[in-house]
N, C-alpha and C. Protein backbone atom coordinates (compact mmCIF):
# COMPACT_ATOMS: atom_id res chain seq x y z
N UNK A 1 0.84 -1.19 0.00
CA UNK A 1 0.00 0.00 0.00
C UNK A 1 0.88 1.25 0.00
N UNK A 2 0.49 2.24 -0.75
CA UNK A 2 1.28 3.46 -0.75
C UNK A 2 0.79 4.40 0.34
N UNK A 3 1.49 5.51 0.50
CA UNK A 3 1.20 6.43 1.60
C UNK A 3 -0.21 7.01 1.52
N UNK A 4 -0.68 7.34 0.34
CA UNK A 4 -2.03 7.89 0.18
C UNK A 4 -3.07 6.86 0.59
N UNK A 5 -2.90 5.62 0.17
CA UNK A 5 -3.83 4.57 0.56
C UNK A 5 -3.81 4.34 2.06
N UNK A 6 -2.62 4.41 2.69
CA UNK A 6 -2.51 4.28 4.14
C UNK A 6 -3.30 5.38 4.84
N UNK A 7 -3.17 6.61 4.36
CA UNK A 7 -3.90 7.74 4.94
C UNK A 7 -5.40 7.54 4.80
N UNK A 8 -5.84 7.07 3.63
CA UNK A 8 -7.26 6.83 3.40
C UNK A 8 -7.78 5.73 4.32
N UNK A 9 -7.00 4.68 4.50
CA UNK A 9 -7.40 3.58 5.38
C UNK A 9 -7.51 4.06 6.82
N UNK A 10 -6.54 4.86 7.27
CA UNK A 10 -6.59 5.40 8.63
C UNK A 10 -7.79 6.31 8.80
N UNK A 11 -8.07 7.13 7.78
CA UNK A 11 -9.21 8.03 7.84
C UNK A 11 -10.51 7.24 7.93
N UNK A 12 -10.62 6.18 7.15
CA UNK A 12 -11.83 5.35 7.18
C UNK A 12 -11.99 4.67 8.54
N UNK A 13 -10.90 4.14 9.09
CA UNK A 13 -10.95 3.52 10.41
C UNK A 13 -11.38 4.55 11.45
N UNK A 14 -10.82 5.74 11.34
CA UNK A 14 -11.13 6.82 12.28
C UNK A 14 -12.62 7.17 12.20
N UNK A 15 -13.13 7.32 10.99
CA UNK A 15 -14.55 7.65 10.81
C UNK A 15 -15.44 6.58 11.43
N UNK A 16 -15.07 5.32 11.22
CA UNK A 16 -15.85 4.21 11.78
C UNK A 16 -15.82 4.27 13.30
N UNK A 17 -14.64 4.47 13.87
CA UNK A 17 -14.52 4.53 15.33
C UNK A 17 -15.30 5.70 15.92
N UNK A 18 -15.23 6.84 15.26
CA UNK A 18 -15.98 8.01 15.74
C UNK A 18 -17.48 7.72 15.70
N UNK A 19 -17.96 7.17 14.59
CA UNK A 19 -19.39 6.86 14.47
C UNK A 19 -19.82 5.82 15.50
N UNK A 20 -18.99 4.80 15.73
CA UNK A 20 -19.33 3.78 16.72
C UNK A 20 -19.41 4.37 18.12
N UNK A 21 -18.49 5.26 18.43
CA UNK A 21 -18.50 5.90 19.75
C UNK A 21 -19.77 6.73 19.93
N UNK A 22 -20.12 7.49 18.93
CA UNK A 22 -21.32 8.32 19.01
C UNK A 22 -22.58 7.45 19.10
N UNK A 23 -22.61 6.36 18.34
CA UNK A 23 -23.76 5.47 18.40
C UNK A 23 -23.90 4.83 19.77
N UNK A 24 -22.77 4.52 20.41
CA UNK A 24 -22.80 3.96 21.76
C UNK A 24 -23.39 4.96 22.75
N UNK A 25 -23.29 6.23 22.43
CA UNK A 25 -23.86 7.28 23.27
C UNK A 25 -25.31 7.60 22.89
N UNK A 26 -25.84 6.87 21.90
CA UNK A 26 -27.22 7.06 21.48
C UNK A 26 -27.41 8.12 20.41
N UNK A 27 -26.33 8.52 19.77
CA UNK A 27 -26.40 9.53 18.71
C UNK A 27 -26.24 8.83 17.38
N UNK A 28 -27.24 8.92 16.53
CA UNK A 28 -27.24 8.15 15.29
C UNK A 28 -26.44 8.78 14.16
N UNK A 29 -26.16 10.07 14.25
CA UNK A 29 -25.45 10.75 13.17
C UNK A 29 -24.49 11.78 13.75
N UNK A 30 -23.35 11.91 13.11
CA UNK A 30 -22.38 12.91 13.56
C UNK A 30 -22.98 14.32 13.43
N UNK A 31 -23.91 14.49 12.51
CA UNK A 31 -24.58 15.79 12.33
C UNK A 31 -25.43 16.17 13.55
N UNK A 32 -25.87 15.16 14.31
CA UNK A 32 -26.71 15.40 15.48
C UNK A 32 -25.91 15.56 16.77
N UNK A 33 -24.61 15.33 16.70
CA UNK A 33 -23.78 15.33 17.90
C UNK A 33 -23.27 16.72 18.24
N UNK A 34 -23.27 17.05 19.53
CA UNK A 34 -22.65 18.32 19.94
C UNK A 34 -21.13 18.24 19.76
N UNK A 35 -20.52 19.39 19.60
CA UNK A 35 -19.08 19.46 19.31
C UNK A 35 -18.24 18.74 20.36
N UNK A 36 -18.60 18.87 21.64
CA UNK A 36 -17.77 18.24 22.68
C UNK A 36 -17.81 16.72 22.59
N UNK A 37 -18.93 16.15 22.15
CA UNK A 37 -18.98 14.70 21.99
C UNK A 37 -18.21 14.24 20.75
N UNK A 38 -18.20 15.07 19.72
CA UNK A 38 -17.40 14.76 18.54
C UNK A 38 -15.92 14.79 18.92
N UNK A 39 -15.52 15.79 19.71
CA UNK A 39 -14.13 15.86 20.17
C UNK A 39 -13.77 14.64 21.00
N UNK A 40 -14.67 14.24 21.90
CA UNK A 40 -14.44 13.06 22.72
C UNK A 40 -14.28 11.82 21.85
N UNK A 41 -15.15 11.67 20.86
CA UNK A 41 -15.09 10.52 19.97
C UNK A 41 -13.78 10.51 19.18
N UNK A 42 -13.33 11.68 18.75
CA UNK A 42 -12.06 11.77 18.03
C UNK A 42 -10.88 11.41 18.92
N UNK A 43 -10.93 11.83 20.18
CA UNK A 43 -9.87 11.48 21.13
C UNK A 43 -9.82 9.97 21.35
N UNK A 44 -10.98 9.35 21.48
CA UNK A 44 -11.02 7.89 21.65
C UNK A 44 -10.48 7.19 20.41
N UNK A 45 -10.83 7.68 19.24
CA UNK A 45 -10.32 7.09 18.00
C UNK A 45 -8.80 7.22 17.94
N UNK A 46 -8.28 8.38 18.35
CA UNK A 46 -6.82 8.58 18.37
C UNK A 46 -6.15 7.58 19.29
N UNK A 47 -6.74 7.36 20.46
CA UNK A 47 -6.17 6.39 21.40
C UNK A 47 -6.12 5.00 20.79
N UNK A 48 -7.22 4.61 20.16
CA UNK A 48 -7.29 3.27 19.57
C UNK A 48 -6.31 3.14 18.41
N UNK A 49 -6.19 4.20 17.62
CA UNK A 49 -5.29 4.15 16.46
C UNK A 49 -3.84 4.47 16.84
N UNK A 50 -3.59 4.77 18.12
CA UNK A 50 -2.24 5.02 18.57
C UNK A 50 -1.70 6.39 18.26
N UNK A 51 -2.60 7.37 18.12
CA UNK A 51 -2.16 8.72 17.77
C UNK A 51 -2.36 9.72 18.90
N UNK A 52 -2.91 9.29 20.00
CA UNK A 52 -3.22 10.21 21.09
C UNK A 52 -2.03 10.48 21.98
N UNK A 53 -2.19 11.48 22.85
CA UNK A 53 -1.17 11.76 23.85
C UNK A 53 -1.17 10.64 24.87
N UNK A 54 -0.01 10.34 25.38
CA UNK A 54 0.11 9.29 26.38
C UNK A 54 0.07 9.87 27.79
N UNK A 55 -0.34 11.12 27.94
CA UNK A 55 -0.38 11.77 29.25
C UNK A 55 -1.44 11.17 30.11
């Protein structure tokens, strides 16, 4: 896989993780989620994908 495909795969995984996190909170669409929950979902996705802070 080349670098662009790797980025696309990571982006797709991230989108899936964010949507799953929001759905677990009872939010069916990212459009319906408040910004703080989207941020939380993105932080969780970063942790799972190994991109978050280790603090």
